[in-house]
Amino acid sequence: MDSVVALLLDYPDDVLVAERERIAAAAPAALAGFARWWARTSPAELRERYVADFDLRSDTALHLTHHRFGDRRERGRALIALKRLYREAGWELRRWELPDYLPLVLELAAADPEVGEPLLAEFRTEVEAIRRALARAGSPWAAVLEHVAAALPQADEQAVARLLDEGPPTELVGLEARA
């Protein structure tokens, strides 16, 4: 996986915006159209669209364990296991971000394919569900997720359909049923 793809999926903060032309020029050929849009869109519009597409929608969130575990306790354990995996691979997180953040997983796959690529493959269902949700929403980032998904093994169609239909699981422990 290419680290440029991770940058194209990351939040366009001031540092990333300052480097957009260079990053867009290094984008894979399959993402040339997206990269042009991404590099030429005003920073305010780019940020607004990013927030609308990723932060305000649960089905397109870039935190992979969110899709698998929702708000259940297992998500915390999965995040701890991912942090351990990063540490064992010699990767200390340089910024505060959950270890399941797709751009971070893509960075790991680019820097250490032996560790990162199997991790991406493990979350194939979630990547595909995010891709489809972005495509349905008409998001320009759907092209980037399509590029990522194309490099992964085939997704389990039933699992993807279930995730898209039902969404992430919810924790019911401790909640009282009300009549």
Protein backbone atom coordinates (compact mmCIF):
# COMPACT_ATOMS: atom_id res chain seq x y z
CA MET A 1 0.00 0.00 0.00
CA ASP A 2 1.19 3.50 -0.79
CA SER A 3 1.60 6.03 2.04
CA VAL A 4 0.19 8.74 -0.27
CA VAL A 5 -3.16 6.96 -0.12
CA ALA A 6 -3.10 7.32 3.66
CA LEU A 7 -2.55 11.06 3.29
CA LEU A 8 -5.43 11.37 0.84
CA LEU A 9 -7.75 9.86 3.47
CA ASP A 10 -6.47 11.89 6.40
CA TYR A 11 -8.08 15.06 7.71
CA PRO A 12 -6.83 18.02 5.65
CA ASP A 13 -5.22 20.03 8.44
CA ASP A 14 -2.92 22.99 7.75
CA VAL A 15 0.18 20.79 7.35
CA LEU A 16 -1.53 18.49 4.86
CA VAL A 17 -3.08 21.38 2.94
CA ALA A 18 0.35 23.01 2.60
CA GLU A 19 1.67 19.82 0.98
CA ARG A 20 -1.34 19.06 -1.23
CA GLU A 21 0.30 19.75 -4.59
CA ARG A 22 3.25 17.48 -3.81
CA ILE A 23 1.01 14.73 -2.41
CA ALA A 24 -1.43 14.90 -5.33
CA ALA A 25 1.46 14.65 -7.80
CA ALA A 26 2.62 11.45 -6.07
CA ALA A 27 -0.84 9.84 -6.04
CA PRO A 28 -1.29 6.53 -7.84
CA ALA A 29 -2.48 6.94 -11.44
CA ALA A 30 -5.82 5.33 -10.56
CA LEU A 31 -6.48 8.24 -8.21
CA ALA A 32 -5.41 11.06 -10.55
CA GLY A 33 -8.94 12.47 -10.86
CA PHE A 34 -9.50 12.43 -7.11
CA ALA A 35 -6.04 13.90 -6.49
CA ARG A 36 -6.76 16.80 -8.85
CA TRP A 37 -10.04 17.56 -7.06
CA TRP A 38 -8.36 17.18 -3.66
CA ALA A 39 -5.49 19.53 -4.59
CA ARG A 40 -7.66 22.20 -6.23
CA THR A 41 -10.58 22.40 -3.80
CA SER A 42 -10.39 25.29 -1.35
CA PRO A 43 -9.15 24.24 2.11
CA ALA A 44 -12.42 25.34 3.75
CA GLU A 45 -14.55 23.38 1.29
CA LEU A 46 -12.24 20.35 1.53
CA ARG A 47 -12.45 20.33 5.33
CA GLU A 48 -16.22 20.85 5.29
CA ARG A 49 -16.69 17.95 2.88
CA TYR A 50 -14.32 15.73 4.87
CA VAL A 51 -16.22 16.35 8.11
CA ALA A 52 -19.57 15.77 6.37
CA ASP A 53 -18.37 12.56 4.73
CA PHE A 54 -16.44 11.00 7.61
CA ASP A 55 -17.21 12.63 10.94
CA LEU A 56 -20.95 13.21 10.72
CA ARG A 57 -21.83 9.78 9.36
CA SER A 58 -21.45 6.59 11.34
CA ASP A 59 -21.42 4.35 8.26
CA THR A 60 -18.38 6.09 6.75
CA ALA A 61 -16.30 6.59 9.90
CA LEU A 62 -12.65 5.71 9.30
CA HIS A 63 -12.23 3.93 12.64
CA LEU A 64 -12.35 0.29 11.61
CA THR A 65 -13.19 -1.25 14.98
CA HIS A 66 -16.21 1.04 15.22
CA HIS A 67 -17.80 -0.86 12.34
CA ARG A 68 -16.94 -4.27 13.79
CA PHE A 69 -17.70 -3.70 17.46
CA GLY A 70 -19.74 -0.50 17.65
CA ASP A 71 -19.86 0.69 21.23
CA ARG A 72 -19.42 -2.77 22.75
CA ARG A 73 -16.67 -3.53 25.24
CA GLU A 74 -14.82 -5.68 22.72
CA ARG A 75 -13.83 -2.52 20.87
CA GLY A 76 -11.66 -1.38 23.77
CA ARG A 77 -9.88 -4.73 23.83
CA ALA A 78 -9.38 -4.59 20.06
CA LEU A 79 -7.89 -1.08 20.29
CA ILE A 80 -5.47 -2.24 23.00
CA ALA A 81 -4.46 -5.21 20.84
CA LEU A 82 -3.86 -2.88 17.89
CA LYS A 83 -1.70 -0.57 20.01
CA ARG A 84 0.31 -3.60 21.08
CA LEU A 85 0.68 -4.69 17.44
CA TYR A 86 2.01 -1.25 16.47
CA ARG A 87 4.44 -1.25 19.38
CA GLU A 88 5.69 -4.78 18.59
CA ALA A 89 6.25 -3.67 14.99
CA GLY A 90 8.42 -0.84 16.33
CA TRP A 91 5.84 1.80 15.54
CA GLU A 92 5.11 4.40 18.17
CA LEU A 93 2.07 6.50 17.37
CA ARG A 94 3.38 10.01 16.70
CA ARG A 95 0.11 11.76 17.16
CA TRP A 96 -2.97 11.17 19.15
CA GLU A 97 -5.18 8.96 17.05
CA LEU A 98 -6.91 5.68 17.71
CA PRO A 99 -4.89 2.80 16.24
CA ASP A 100 -7.80 1.63 14.08
CA TYR A 101 -7.92 4.89 12.09
CA LEU A 102 -7.73 3.73 8.47
CA PRO A 103 -5.12 6.29 7.33
CA LEU A 104 -2.88 5.12 10.19
CA VAL A 105 -3.38 1.45 9.25
CA LEU A 106 -2.52 2.37 5.65
CA GLU A 107 0.66 4.11 6.82
CA LEU A 108 1.63 0.97 8.70
CA ALA A 109 0.93 -1.17 5.62
CA ALA A 110 3.15 1.11 3.52
CA ALA A 111 5.99 1.20 6.06
CA ASP A 112 5.79 -2.44 7.18
CA PRO A 113 3.77 -4.54 4.71
CA GLU A 114 4.42 -7.73 6.67
CA VAL A 115 2.42 -6.34 9.60
CA GLY A 116 0.13 -3.80 7.96
CA GLU A 117 -1.18 -5.71 4.97
CA PRO A 118 -2.56 -8.64 7.01
CA LEU A 119 -4.12 -6.09 9.37
CA LEU A 120 -5.84 -4.37 6.43
CA ALA A 121 -7.01 -7.74 5.10
CA GLU A 122 -8.46 -8.54 8.53
CA PHE A 123 -10.67 -5.45 8.21
CA ARG A 124 -11.66 -6.14 4.59
CA THR A 125 -15.39 -6.26 5.38
CA GLU A 126 -15.26 -2.89 7.12
CA VAL A 127 -13.25 -1.26 4.31
CA GLU A 128 -15.77 -2.50 1.75
CA ALA A 129 -18.73 -1.31 3.81
CA ILE A 130 -17.16 2.16 4.15
CA ARG A 131 -16.44 2.21 0.40
CA ARG A 132 -20.03 1.39 -0.48
CA ALA A 133 -21.45 3.90 1.98
CA LEU A 134 -19.20 6.63 0.53
CA ALA A 135 -20.25 5.69 -3.00
CA ARG A 136 -23.94 5.87 -2.03
CA ALA A 137 -23.33 9.30 -0.49
CA GLY A 138 -21.62 10.53 -3.66
CA SER A 139 -18.39 11.20 -1.80
CA PRO A 140 -15.25 11.87 -3.81
CA TRP A 141 -13.36 9.77 -1.24
CA ALA A 142 -15.18 6.67 -2.51
CA ALA A 143 -12.50 6.48 -5.23
CA VAL A 144 -9.76 6.26 -2.60
CA LEU A 145 -11.57 3.49 -0.72
CA GLU A 146 -12.12 1.69 -4.02
CA HIS A 147 -8.36 1.84 -4.61
CA VAL A 148 -7.69 0.45 -1.13
CA ALA A 149 -10.32 -2.28 -1.48
CA ALA A 150 -8.92 -3.37 -4.85
CA ALA A 151 -5.63 -4.27 -3.17
CA LEU A 152 -7.33 -6.51 -0.59
CA PRO A 153 -8.75 -10.02 -0.79
CA GLN A 154 -12.39 -10.40 -1.82
CA ALA A 155 -14.82 -9.33 0.90
CA ASP A 156 -17.42 -11.67 2.37
CA GLU A 157 -20.52 -10.34 0.60
CA GLN A 158 -22.92 -11.50 3.32
CA ALA A 159 -20.86 -9.85 6.05
CA VAL A 160 -20.69 -6.58 4.09
CA ALA A 161 -24.45 -6.63 3.42
CA ARG A 162 -25.15 -7.34 7.10
CA LEU A 163 -22.92 -4.47 8.22
CA LEU A 164 -24.54 -2.08 5.75
CA ASP A 165 -28.06 -3.19 6.74
CA GLU A 166 -27.61 -3.39 10.51
CA GLY A 167 -24.72 -1.02 11.20
CA PRO A 168 -22.28 -1.56 14.05
CA PRO A 169 -23.49 -3.61 17.01
CA THR A 170 -24.60 -1.84 20.17
CA GLU A 171 -24.02 -2.70 23.81
CA LEU A 172 -27.16 -3.73 25.62
CA VAL A 173 -25.61 -4.77 28.94
CA GLY A 174 -26.88 -2.59 31.75
CA LEU A 175 -29.70 -1.09 29.73
CA GLU A 176 -33.19 -1.69 31.04
CA ALA A 177 -35.96 -2.60 28.65
CA ARG A 178 -38.83 -0.17 28.97
CA ALA A 179 -42.35 -1.11 28.11
